[in-house]
mmCIF file of all heavy atoms, coordinates in Angstrom:
data_MODEL
# 
_entry.id   MODEL 
# 
loop_
_atom_site.group_PDB 
_atom_site.id 
_atom_site.type_symbol 
_atom_site.label_atom_id 
_atom_site.label_alt_id 
_atom_site.label_comp_id 
_atom_site.label_asym_id 
_atom_site.label_entity_id 
_atom_site.label_seq_id 
_atom_site.pdbx_PDB_ins_code 
_atom_site.Cartn_x 
_atom_site.Cartn_y 
_atom_site.Cartn_z 
_atom_site.occupancy 
_atom_site.B_iso_or_equiv 
_atom_site.pdbx_formal_charge 
_atom_site.auth_seq_id 
_atom_site.auth_comp_id 
_atom_site.auth_asym_id 
_atom_site.auth_atom_id 
_atom_site.pdbx_PDB_model_num 
ATOM 1   N N   . MET A 1 1  ? -13.245 9.860  29.226 1.00 0.00 ? 1  MET A N   1 
ATOM 2   C CA  . MET A 1 1  ? -13.065 9.551  27.815 1.00 0.00 ? 1  MET A CA  1 
ATOM 3   C C   . MET A 1 1  ? -12.751 8.066  27.593 1.00 0.00 ? 1  MET A C   1 
ATOM 4   O O   . MET A 1 1  ? -13.207 7.471  26.621 1.00 0.00 ? 1  MET A O   1 
ATOM 5   C CB  . MET A 1 1  ? -11.942 10.413 27.218 1.00 0.00 ? 1  MET A CB  1 
ATOM 6   C CG  . MET A 1 1  ? -12.201 11.914 27.267 1.00 0.00 ? 1  MET A CG  1 
ATOM 7   S SD  . MET A 1 1  ? -13.721 12.394 26.436 1.00 0.00 ? 1  MET A SD  1 
ATOM 8   C CE  . MET A 1 1  ? -13.302 12.004 24.744 1.00 0.00 ? 1  MET A CE  1 
ATOM 9   N N   . LYS A 1 2  ? -11.969 7.491  28.487 1.00 0.00 ? 2  LYS A N   1 
ATOM 10  C CA  . LYS A 1 2  ? -11.572 6.093  28.303 1.00 0.00 ? 2  LYS A CA  1 
ATOM 11  C C   . LYS A 1 2  ? -12.761 5.143  28.296 1.00 0.00 ? 2  LYS A C   1 
ATOM 12  O O   . LYS A 1 2  ? -12.675 4.031  27.757 1.00 0.00 ? 2  LYS A O   1 
ATOM 13  C CB  . LYS A 1 2  ? -10.576 5.674  29.383 1.00 0.00 ? 2  LYS A CB  1 
ATOM 14  C CG  . LYS A 1 2  ? -11.153 5.572  30.791 1.00 0.00 ? 2  LYS A CG  1 
ATOM 15  C CD  . LYS A 1 2  ? -10.097 5.141  31.785 1.00 0.00 ? 2  LYS A CD  1 
ATOM 16  C CE  . LYS A 1 2  ? -10.649 5.016  33.194 1.00 0.00 ? 2  LYS A CE  1 
ATOM 17  N NZ  . LYS A 1 2  ? -11.685 3.966  33.299 1.00 0.00 ? 2  LYS A NZ  1 
ATOM 18  N N   . ASN A 1 3  ? -13.865 5.574  28.873 1.00 0.00 ? 3  ASN A N   1 
ATOM 19  C CA  . ASN A 1 3  ? -15.038 4.704  28.942 1.00 0.00 ? 3  ASN A CA  1 
ATOM 20  C C   . ASN A 1 3  ? -15.769 4.581  27.603 1.00 0.00 ? 3  ASN A C   1 
ATOM 21  O O   . ASN A 1 3  ? -16.533 3.638  27.396 1.00 0.00 ? 3  ASN A O   1 
ATOM 22  C CB  . ASN A 1 3  ? -16.012 5.223  30.000 1.00 0.00 ? 3  ASN A CB  1 
ATOM 23  C CG  . ASN A 1 3  ? -15.426 5.168  31.396 1.00 0.00 ? 3  ASN A CG  1 
ATOM 24  O OD1 . ASN A 1 3  ? -14.519 4.387  31.669 1.00 0.00 ? 3  ASN A OD1 1 
ATOM 25  N ND2 . ASN A 1 3  ? -15.931 5.998  32.292 1.00 0.00 ? 3  ASN A ND2 1 
ATOM 26  N N   . VAL A 1 4  ? -15.565 5.560  26.716 1.00 0.00 ? 4  VAL A N   1 
ATOM 27  C CA  . VAL A 1 4  ? -16.270 5.539  25.433 1.00 0.00 ? 4  VAL A CA  1 
ATOM 28  C C   . VAL A 1 4  ? -15.311 5.473  24.245 1.00 0.00 ? 4  VAL A C   1 
ATOM 29  O O   . VAL A 1 4  ? -15.747 5.330  23.101 1.00 0.00 ? 4  VAL A O   1 
ATOM 30  C CB  . VAL A 1 4  ? -17.176 6.789  25.270 1.00 0.00 ? 4  VAL A CB  1 
ATOM 31  C CG1 . VAL A 1 4  ? -18.325 6.739  26.256 1.00 0.00 ? 4  VAL A CG1 1 
ATOM 32  C CG2 . VAL A 1 4  ? -16.370 8.070  25.444 1.00 0.00 ? 4  VAL A CG2 1 
ATOM 33  N N   . LEU A 1 5  ? -14.019 5.570  24.505 1.00 0.00 ? 5  LEU A N   1 
ATOM 34  C CA  . LEU A 1 5  ? -13.035 5.578  23.430 1.00 0.00 ? 5  LEU A CA  1 
ATOM 35  C C   . LEU A 1 5  ? -12.886 4.186  22.820 1.00 0.00 ? 5  LEU A C   1 
ATOM 36  O O   . LEU A 1 5  ? -12.668 3.207  23.519 1.00 0.00 ? 5  LEU A O   1 
ATOM 37  C CB  . LEU A 1 5  ? -11.686 6.054  23.970 1.00 0.00 ? 5  LEU A CB  1 
ATOM 38  C CG  . LEU A 1 5  ? -10.588 6.330  22.961 1.00 0.00 ? 5  LEU A CG  1 
ATOM 39  C CD1 . LEU A 1 5  ? -11.009 7.447  22.009 1.00 0.00 ? 5  LEU A CD1 1 
ATOM 40  C CD2 . LEU A 1 5  ? -9.298  6.696  23.673 1.00 0.00 ? 5  LEU A CD2 1 
ATOM 41  N N   . LYS A 1 6  ? -12.991 4.118  21.513 1.00 0.00 ? 6  LYS A N   1 
ATOM 42  C CA  . LYS A 1 6  ? -12.891 2.831  20.811 1.00 0.00 ? 6  LYS A CA  1 
ATOM 43  C C   . LYS A 1 6  ? -11.556 2.697  20.088 1.00 0.00 ? 6  LYS A C   1 
ATOM 44  O O   . LYS A 1 6  ? -10.928 1.640  20.122 1.00 0.00 ? 6  LYS A O   1 
ATOM 45  C CB  . LYS A 1 6  ? -14.039 2.716  19.807 1.00 0.00 ? 6  LYS A CB  1 
ATOM 46  C CG  . LYS A 1 6  ? -14.041 1.424  19.006 1.00 0.00 ? 6  LYS A CG  1 
ATOM 47  C CD  . LYS A 1 6  ? -15.255 1.389  18.080 1.00 0.00 ? 6  LYS A CD  1 
ATOM 48  C CE  . LYS A 1 6  ? -15.304 0.080  17.291 1.00 0.00 ? 6  LYS A CE  1 
ATOM 49  N NZ  . LYS A 1 6  ? -16.468 0.051  16.370 1.00 0.00 ? 6  LYS A NZ  1 
ATOM 50  N N   . GLU A 1 7  ? -11.120 3.753  19.434 1.00 0.00 ? 7  GLU A N   1 
ATOM 51  C CA  . GLU A 1 7  ? -9.904  3.665  18.621 1.00 0.00 ? 7  GLU A CA  1 
ATOM 52  C C   . GLU A 1 7  ? -9.326  5.058  18.402 1.00 0.00 ? 7  GLU A C   1 
ATOM 53  O O   . GLU A 1 7  ? -10.055 6.027  18.224 1.00 0.00 ? 7  GLU A O   1 
ATOM 54  C CB  . GLU A 1 7  ? -10.240 3.043  17.264 1.00 0.00 ? 7  GLU A CB  1 
ATOM 55  C CG  . GLU A 1 7  ? -9.071  2.938  16.303 1.00 0.00 ? 7  GLU A CG  1 
ATOM 56  C CD  . GLU A 1 7  ? -9.505  2.377  14.956 1.00 0.00 ? 7  GLU A CD  1 
ATOM 57  O OE1 . GLU A 1 7  ? -10.584 1.745  14.899 1.00 0.00 ? 7  GLU A OE1 1 
ATOM 58  O OE2 . GLU A 1 7  ? -8.765  2.580  13.984 1.00 0.00 ? 7  GLU A OE2 1 
ATOM 59  N N   . VAL A 1 8  ? -8.008  5.152  18.436 1.00 0.00 ? 8  VAL A N   1 
ATOM 60  C CA  . VAL A 1 8  ? -7.320  6.397  18.109 1.00 0.00 ? 8  VAL A CA  1 
ATOM 61  C C   . VAL A 1 8  ? -6.209  6.073  17.120 1.00 0.00 ? 8  VAL A C   1 
ATOM 62  O O   . VAL A 1 8  ? -5.449  5.132  17.327 1.00 0.00 ? 8  VAL A O   1 
ATOM 63  C CB  . VAL A 1 8  ? -6.700  7.060  19.359 1.00 0.00 ? 8  VAL A CB  1 
ATOM 64  C CG1 . VAL A 1 8  ? -5.934  8.319  18.967 1.00 0.00 ? 8  VAL A CG1 1 
ATOM 65  C CG2 . VAL A 1 8  ? -7.773  7.394  20.385 1.00 0.00 ? 8  VAL A CG2 1 
ATOM 66  N N   . THR A 1 9  ? -6.132  6.816  16.048 1.00 0.00 ? 9  THR A N   1 
ATOM 67  C CA  . THR A 1 9  ? -5.020  6.674  15.116 1.00 0.00 ? 9  THR A CA  1 
ATOM 68  C C   . THR A 1 9  ? -4.122  7.881  15.295 1.00 0.00 ? 9  THR A C   1 
ATOM 69  O O   . THR A 1 9  ? -4.590  9.013  15.294 1.00 0.00 ? 9  THR A O   1 
ATOM 70  C CB  . THR A 1 9  ? -5.518  6.595  13.666 1.00 0.00 ? 9  THR A CB  1 
ATOM 71  O OG1 . THR A 1 9  ? -6.392  5.483  13.554 1.00 0.00 ? 9  THR A OG1 1 
ATOM 72  C CG2 . THR A 1 9  ? -4.355  6.416  12.706 1.00 0.00 ? 9  THR A CG2 1 
ATOM 73  N N   . VAL A 1 10 ? -2.828  7.642  15.446 1.00 0.00 ? 10 VAL A N   1 
ATOM 74  C CA  . VAL A 1 10 ? -1.913  8.731  15.784 1.00 0.00 ? 10 VAL A CA  1 
ATOM 75  C C   . VAL A 1 10 ? -0.837  8.927  14.733 1.00 0.00 ? 10 VAL A C   1 
ATOM 76  O O   . VAL A 1 10 ? -0.514  8.020  13.967 1.00 0.00 ? 10 VAL A O   1 
ATOM 77  C CB  . VAL A 1 10 ? -1.233  8.485  17.153 1.00 0.00 ? 10 VAL A CB  1 
ATOM 78  C CG1 . VAL A 1 10 ? -2.262  8.275  18.233 1.00 0.00 ? 10 VAL A CG1 1 
ATOM 79  C CG2 . VAL A 1 10 ? -0.270  7.304  17.082 1.00 0.00 ? 10 VAL A CG2 1 
ATOM 80  N N   . LEU A 1 11 ? -0.313  10.132 14.719 1.00 0.00 ? 11 LEU A N   1 
ATOM 81  C CA  . LEU A 1 11 ? 0.851   10.459 13.911 1.00 0.00 ? 11 LEU A CA  1 
ATOM 82  C C   . LEU A 1 11 ? 1.976   10.788 14.878 1.00 0.00 ? 11 LEU A C   1 
ATOM 83  O O   . LEU A 1 11 ? 1.854   11.700 15.683 1.00 0.00 ? 11 LEU A O   1 
ATOM 84  C CB  . LEU A 1 11 ? 0.551   11.673 13.029 1.00 0.00 ? 11 LEU A CB  1 
ATOM 85  C CG  . LEU A 1 11 ? 1.695   12.191 12.162 1.00 0.00 ? 11 LEU A CG  1 
ATOM 86  C CD1 . LEU A 1 11 ? 1.961   11.231 11.014 1.00 0.00 ? 11 LEU A CD1 1 
ATOM 87  C CD2 . LEU A 1 11 ? 1.377   13.574 11.641 1.00 0.00 ? 11 LEU A CD2 1 
ATOM 88  N N   . THR A 1 12 ? 3.057   10.048 14.834 1.00 0.00 ? 12 THR A N   1 
ATOM 89  C CA  . THR A 1 12 ? 4.164   10.295 15.748 1.00 0.00 ? 12 THR A CA  1 
ATOM 90  C C   . THR A 1 12 ? 4.888   11.575 15.362 1.00 0.00 ? 12 THR A C   1 
ATOM 91  O O   . THR A 1 12 ? 4.712   12.108 14.254 1.00 0.00 ? 12 THR A O   1 
ATOM 92  C CB  . THR A 1 12 ? 5.176   9.136  15.736 1.00 0.00 ? 12 THR A CB  1 
ATOM 93  O OG1 . THR A 1 12 ? 5.854   9.134  14.477 1.00 0.00 ? 12 THR A OG1 1 
ATOM 94  C CG2 . THR A 1 12 ? 4.484   7.803  15.950 1.00 0.00 ? 12 THR A CG2 1 
ATOM 95  N N   . LYS A 1 13 ? 5.723   12.044 16.247 1.00 0.00 ? 13 LYS A N   1 
ATOM 96  C CA  . LYS A 1 13 ? 6.456   13.285 15.968 1.00 0.00 ? 13 LYS A CA  1 
ATOM 97  C C   . LYS A 1 13 ? 7.448   13.116 14.823 1.00 0.00 ? 13 LYS A C   1 
ATOM 98  O O   . LYS A 1 13 ? 7.900   14.101 14.247 1.00 0.00 ? 13 LYS A O   1 
ATOM 99  C CB  . LYS A 1 13 ? 7.179   13.765 17.223 1.00 0.00 ? 13 LYS A CB  1 
ATOM 100 C CG  . LYS A 1 13 ? 8.203   12.792 17.774 1.00 0.00 ? 13 LYS A CG  1 
ATOM 101 C CD  . LYS A 1 13 ? 8.850   13.342 19.032 1.00 0.00 ? 13 LYS A CD  1 
ATOM 102 C CE  . LYS A 1 13 ? 9.901   12.386 19.577 1.00 0.00 ? 13 LYS A CE  1 
ATOM 103 N NZ  . LYS A 1 13 ? 10.556  12.927 20.793 1.00 0.00 ? 13 LYS A NZ  1 
ATOM 104 N N   . GLU A 1 14 ? 7.765   11.859 14.477 1.00 0.00 ? 14 GLU A N   1 
ATOM 105 C CA  . GLU A 1 14 ? 8.623   11.607 13.322 1.00 0.00 ? 14 GLU A CA  1 
ATOM 106 C C   . GLU A 1 14 ? 7.835   11.533 12.016 1.00 0.00 ? 14 GLU A C   1 
ATOM 107 O O   . GLU A 1 14 ? 8.397   11.432 10.935 1.00 0.00 ? 14 GLU A O   1 
ATOM 108 C CB  . GLU A 1 14 ? 9.404   10.299 13.507 1.00 0.00 ? 14 GLU A CB  1 
ATOM 109 C CG  . GLU A 1 14 ? 10.502  10.371 14.564 1.00 0.00 ? 14 GLU A CG  1 
ATOM 110 C CD  . GLU A 1 14 ? 9.941   10.217 15.967 1.00 0.00 ? 14 GLU A CD  1 
ATOM 111 O OE1 . GLU A 1 14 ? 8.801   9.704  16.091 1.00 0.00 ? 14 GLU A OE1 1 
ATOM 112 O OE2 . GLU A 1 14 ? 10.631  10.609 16.924 1.00 0.00 ? 14 GLU A OE2 1 
ATOM 113 N N   . GLY A 1 15 ? 6.494   11.524 12.112 1.00 0.00 ? 15 GLY A N   1 
ATOM 114 C CA  . GLY A 1 15 ? 5.662   11.487 10.917 1.00 0.00 ? 15 GLY A CA  1 
ATOM 115 C C   . GLY A 1 15 ? 5.117   10.119 10.574 1.00 0.00 ? 15 GLY A C   1 
ATOM 116 O O   . GLY A 1 15 ? 4.551   9.920  9.501  1.00 0.00 ? 15 GLY A O   1 
ATOM 117 N N   . GLU A 1 16 ? 5.233   9.154  11.479 1.00 0.00 ? 16 GLU A N   1 
ATOM 118 C CA  . GLU A 1 16 ? 4.729   7.802  11.228 1.00 0.00 ? 16 GLU A CA  1 
ATOM 119 C C   . GLU A 1 16 ? 3.294   7.677  11.716 1.00 0.00 ? 16 GLU A C   1 
ATOM 120 O O   . GLU A 1 16 ? 2.965   8.071  12.835 1.00 0.00 ? 16 GLU A O   1 
ATOM 121 C CB  . GLU A 1 16 ? 5.596   6.773  11.948 1.00 0.00 ? 16 GLU A CB  1 
ATOM 122 C CG  . GLU A 1 16 ? 5.144   5.334  11.729 1.00 0.00 ? 16 GLU A CG  1 
ATOM 123 C CD  . GLU A 1 16 ? 5.949   4.341  12.540 1.00 0.00 ? 16 GLU A CD  1 
ATOM 124 O OE1 . GLU A 1 16 ? 6.827   4.772  13.316 1.00 0.00 ? 16 GLU A OE1 1 
ATOM 125 O OE2 . GLU A 1 16 ? 5.690   3.131  12.416 1.00 0.00 ? 16 GLU A OE2 1 
ATOM 126 N N   . VAL A 1 17 ? 2.424   7.120  10.872 1.00 0.00 ? 17 VAL A N   1 
ATOM 127 C CA  . VAL A 1 17 ? 1.021   6.918  11.228 1.00 0.00 ? 17 VAL A CA  1 
ATOM 128 C C   . VAL A 1 17 ? 0.868   5.577  11.928 1.00 0.00 ? 17 VAL A C   1 
ATOM 129 O O   . VAL A 1 17 ? 1.315   4.543  11.415 1.00 0.00 ? 17 VAL A O   1 
ATOM 130 C CB  . VAL A 1 17 ? 0.118   6.963  9.989  1.00 0.00 ? 17 VAL A CB  1 
ATOM 131 C CG1 . VAL A 1 17 ? -1.329  6.672  10.371 1.00 0.00 ? 17 VAL A CG1 1 
ATOM 132 C CG2 . VAL A 1 17 ? 0.215   8.324  9.315  1.00 0.00 ? 17 VAL A CG2 1 
ATOM 133 N N   . LEU A 1 18 ? 0.233   5.576  13.095 1.00 0.00 ? 18 LEU A N   1 
ATOM 134 C CA  . LEU A 1 18 ? -0.011  4.365  13.862 1.00 0.00 ? 18 LEU A CA  1 
ATOM 135 C C   . LEU A 1 18 ? -1.509  4.193  14.043 1.00 0.00 ? 18 LEU A C   1 
ATOM 136 O O   . LEU A 1 18 ? -2.170  5.053  14.604 1.00 0.00 ? 18 LEU A O   1 
ATOM 137 C CB  . LEU A 1 18 ? 0.670   4.447  15.240 1.00 0.00 ? 18 LEU A CB  1 
ATOM 138 C CG  . LEU A 1 18 ? 2.173   4.731  15.253 1.00 0.00 ? 18 LEU A CG  1 
ATOM 139 C CD1 . LEU A 1 18 ? 2.663   4.856  16.692 1.00 0.00 ? 18 LEU A CD1 1 
ATOM 140 C CD2 . LEU A 1 18 ? 2.925   3.623  14.533 1.00 0.00 ? 18 LEU A CD2 1 
ATOM 141 N N   . GLY A 1 19 ? -2.054  3.073  13.591 1.00 0.00 ? 19 GLY A N   1 
ATOM 142 C CA  . GLY A 1 19 ? -3.485  2.840  13.732 1.00 0.00 ? 19 GLY A CA  1 
ATOM 143 C C   . GLY A 1 19 ? -4.134  2.682  12.373 1.00 0.00 ? 19 GLY A C   1 
ATOM 144 O O   . GLY A 1 19 ? -3.500  2.834  11.332 1.00 0.00 ? 19 GLY A O   1 
ATOM 145 N N   . ASN A 1 20 ? -5.440  2.390  12.374 1.00 0.00 ? 20 ASN A N   1 
ATOM 146 C CA  . ASN A 1 20 ? -6.131  2.060  11.136 1.00 0.00 ? 20 ASN A CA  1 
ATOM 147 C C   . ASN A 1 20 ? -7.193  3.062  10.717 1.00 0.00 ? 20 ASN A C   1 
ATOM 148 O O   . ASN A 1 20 ? -7.861  2.867  9.709  1.00 0.00 ? 20 ASN A O   1 
ATOM 149 C CB  . ASN A 1 20 ? -6.797  0.679  11.272 1.00 0.00 ? 20 ASN A CB  1 
ATOM 150 C CG  . ASN A 1 20 ? -5.783  -0.411 11.538 1.00 0.00 ? 20 ASN A CG  1 
ATOM 151 O OD1 . ASN A 1 20 ? -4.749  -0.458 10.890 1.00 0.00 ? 20 ASN A OD1 1 
ATOM 152 N ND2 . ASN A 1 20 ? -6.073  -1.266 12.510 1.00 0.00 ? 20 ASN A ND2 1 
ATOM 153 N N   . SER A 1 21 ? -7.386  4.138  11.492 1.00 0.00 ? 21 SER A N   1 
ATOM 154 C CA  . SER A 1 21 ? -8.397  5.121  11.113 1.00 0.00 ? 21 SER A CA  1 
ATOM 155 C C   . SER A 1 21 ? -7.944  5.878  9.870  1.00 0.00 ? 21 SER A C   1 
ATOM 156 O O   . SER A 1 21 ? -6.764  5.888  9.536  1.00 0.00 ? 21 SER A O   1 
ATOM 157 C CB  . SER A 1 21 ? -8.629  6.104  12.269 1.00 0.00 ? 21 SER A CB  1 
ATOM 158 O OG  . SER A 1 21 ? -9.229  5.449  13.356 1.00 0.00 ? 21 SER A OG  1 
ATOM 159 N N   . PRO A 1 22 ? -8.868  6.558  9.180  1.00 0.00 ? 22 PRO A N   1 
ATOM 160 C CA  . PRO A 1 22 ? -8.500  7.284  7.967  1.00 0.00 ? 22 PRO A CA  1 
ATOM 161 C C   . PRO A 1 22 ? -7.703  8.544  8.257  1.00 0.00 ? 22 PRO A C   1 
ATOM 162 O O   . PRO A 1 22 ? -7.293  9.243  7.348  1.00 0.00 ? 22 PRO A O   1 
ATOM 163 C CB  . PRO A 1 22 ? -9.857  7.634  7.349  1.00 0.00 ? 22 PRO A CB  1 
ATOM 164 C CG  . PRO A 1 22 ? -10.800 7.656  8.493  1.00 0.00 ? 22 PRO A CG  1 
ATOM 165 C CD  . PRO A 1 22 ? -10.312 6.589  9.430  1.00 0.00 ? 22 PRO A CD  1 
ATOM 166 N N   . SER A 1 23 ? -7.490  8.868  9.507  1.00 0.00 ? 23 SER A N   1 
ATOM 167 C CA  . SER A 1 23 ? -6.716  10.047 9.868  1.00 0.00 ? 23 SER A CA  1 
ATOM 168 C C   . SER A 1 23 ? -5.943  9.746  11.126 1.00 0.00 ? 23 SER A C   1 
ATOM 169 O O   . SER A 1 23 ? -5.634  8.601  11.384 1.00 0.00 ? 23 SER A O   1 
ATOM 170 C CB  . SER A 1 23 ? -7.670  11.227 10.037 1.00 0.00 ? 23 SER A CB  1 
ATOM 171 O OG  . SER A 1 23 ? -7.001  12.434 9.877  1.00 0.00 ? 23 SER A OG  1 
ATOM 172 N N   . PHE A 1 24 ? -5.612  10.725 11.928 1.00 0.00 ? 24 PHE A N   1 
ATOM 173 C CA  . PHE A 1 24 ? -4.702  10.462 13.043 1.00 0.00 ? 24 PHE A CA  1 
ATOM 174 C C   . PHE A 1 24 ? -4.797  11.500 14.140 1.00 0.00 ? 24 PHE A C   1 
ATOM 175 O O   . PHE A 1 24 ? -5.328  12.567 13.972 1.00 0.00 ? 24 PHE A O   1 
ATOM 176 C CB  . PHE A 1 24 ? -3.256  10.455 12.521 1.00 0.00 ? 24 PHE A CB  1 
ATOM 177 C CG  . PHE A 1 24 ? -2.986  11.629 11.664 1.00 0.00 ? 24 PHE A CG  1 
ATOM 178 C CD1 . PHE A 1 24 ? -2.708  12.856 12.228 1.00 0.00 ? 24 PHE A CD1 1 
ATOM 179 C CD2 . PHE A 1 24 ? -3.071  11.535 10.297 1.00 0.00 ? 24 PHE A CD2 1 
ATOM 180 C CE1 . PHE A 1 24 ? -2.507  13.957 11.431 1.00 0.00 ? 24 PHE A CE1 1 
ATOM 181 C CE2 . PHE A 1 24 ? -2.871  12.643 9.499  1.00 0.00 ? 24 PHE A CE2 1 
ATOM 182 C CZ  . PHE A 1 24 ? -2.587  13.850 10.066 1.00 0.00 ? 24 PHE A CZ  1 
ATOM 183 N N   . VAL A 1 25 ? -4.207  11.186 15.320 1.00 0.00 ? 25 VAL A N   1 
ATOM 184 C CA  . VAL A 1 25 ? -4.012  12.137 16.420 1.00 0.00 ? 25 VAL A CA  1 
ATOM 185 C C   . VAL A 1 25 ? -2.538  12.465 16.451 1.00 0.00 ? 25 VAL A C   1 
ATOM 186 O O   . VAL A 1 25 ? -1.759  11.576 16.614 1.00 0.00 ? 25 VAL A O   1 
ATOM 187 C CB  . VAL A 1 25 ? -4.277  11.518 17.792 1.00 0.00 ? 25 VAL A CB  1 
ATOM 188 C CG1 . VAL A 1 25 ? -3.918  12.478 18.889 1.00 0.00 ? 25 VAL A CG1 1 
ATOM 189 C CG2 . VAL A 1 25 ? -5.672  11.085 17.914 1.00 0.00 ? 25 VAL A CG2 1 
ATOM 190 N N   . VAL A 1 26 ? -2.152  13.694 16.325 1.00 0.00 ? 26 VAL A N   1 
ATOM 191 C CA  . VAL A 1 26 ? -0.721  14.010 16.352 1.00 0.00 ? 26 VAL A CA  1 
ATOM 192 C C   . VAL A 1 26 ? -0.258  14.063 17.790 1.00 0.00 ? 26 VAL A C   1 
ATOM 193 O O   . VAL A 1 26 ? -1.021  14.354 18.661 1.00 0.00 ? 26 VAL A O   1 
ATOM 194 C CB  . VAL A 1 26 ? -0.438  15.369 15.719 1.00 0.00 ? 26 VAL A CB  1 
ATOM 195 C CG1 . VAL A 1 26 ? 1.049   15.558 15.581 1.00 0.00 ? 26 VAL A CG1 1 
ATOM 196 C CG2 . VAL A 1 26 ? -1.089  15.481 14.388 1.00 0.00 ? 26 VAL A CG2 1 
ATOM 197 N N   . ALA A 1 27 ? 1.028   13.864 18.017 1.00 0.00 ? 27 ALA A N   1 
ATOM 198 C CA  . ALA A 1 27 ? 1.491   13.724 19.377 1.00 0.00 ? 27 ALA A CA  1 
ATOM 199 C C   . ALA A 1 27 ? 2.121   14.932 20.021 1.00 0.00 ? 27 ALA A C   1 
ATOM 200 O O   . ALA A 1 27 ? 2.576   15.805 19.346 1.00 0.00 ? 27 ALA A O   1 
ATOM 201 C CB  . ALA A 1 27 ? 2.461   12.594 19.425 1.00 0.00 ? 27 ALA A CB  1 
ATOM 202 N N   . LEU A 1 28 ? 2.148   14.930 21.335 1.00 0.00 ? 28 LEU A N   1 
ATOM 203 C CA  . LEU A 1 28 ? 2.731   16.012 22.137 1.00 0.00 ? 28 LEU A CA  1 
ATOM 204 C C   . LEU A 1 28 ? 4.003   15.516 22.789 1.00 0.00 ? 28 LEU A C   1 
ATOM 205 O O   . LEU A 1 28 ? 4.041   14.415 23.283 1.00 0.00 ? 28 LEU A O   1 
ATOM 206 C CB  . LEU A 1 28 ? 1.785   16.369 23.276 1.00 0.00 ? 28 LEU A CB  1 
ATOM 207 C CG  . LEU A 1 28 ? 0.850   17.523 23.103 1.00 0.00 ? 28 LEU A CG  1 
ATOM 208 C CD1 . LEU A 1 28 ? 0.229   17.806 24.428 1.00 0.00 ? 28 LEU A CD1 1 
ATOM 209 C CD2 . LEU A 1 28 ? 1.523   18.743 22.583 1.00 0.00 ? 28 LEU A CD2 1 
ATOM 210 N N   . GLY A 1 29 ? 4.991   16.354 22.843 1.00 0.00 ? 29 GLY A N   1 
ATOM 211 C CA  . GLY A 1 29 ? 6.195   16.037 23.590 1.00 0.00 ? 29 GLY A CA  1 
ATOM 212 C C   . GLY A 1 29 ? 6.838   14.735 23.152 1.00 0.00 ? 29 GLY A C   1 
ATOM 213 O O   . GLY A 1 29 ? 7.076   14.504 21.988 1.00 0.00 ? 29 GLY A O   1 
# 
């Protein structure tokens, strides 16, 4: 995956959005 991954936008477990995409990847643990 790392070879084709360009950008990931995440939502932290506290609810903070990190990144610039219109949505997010929520976090584990």
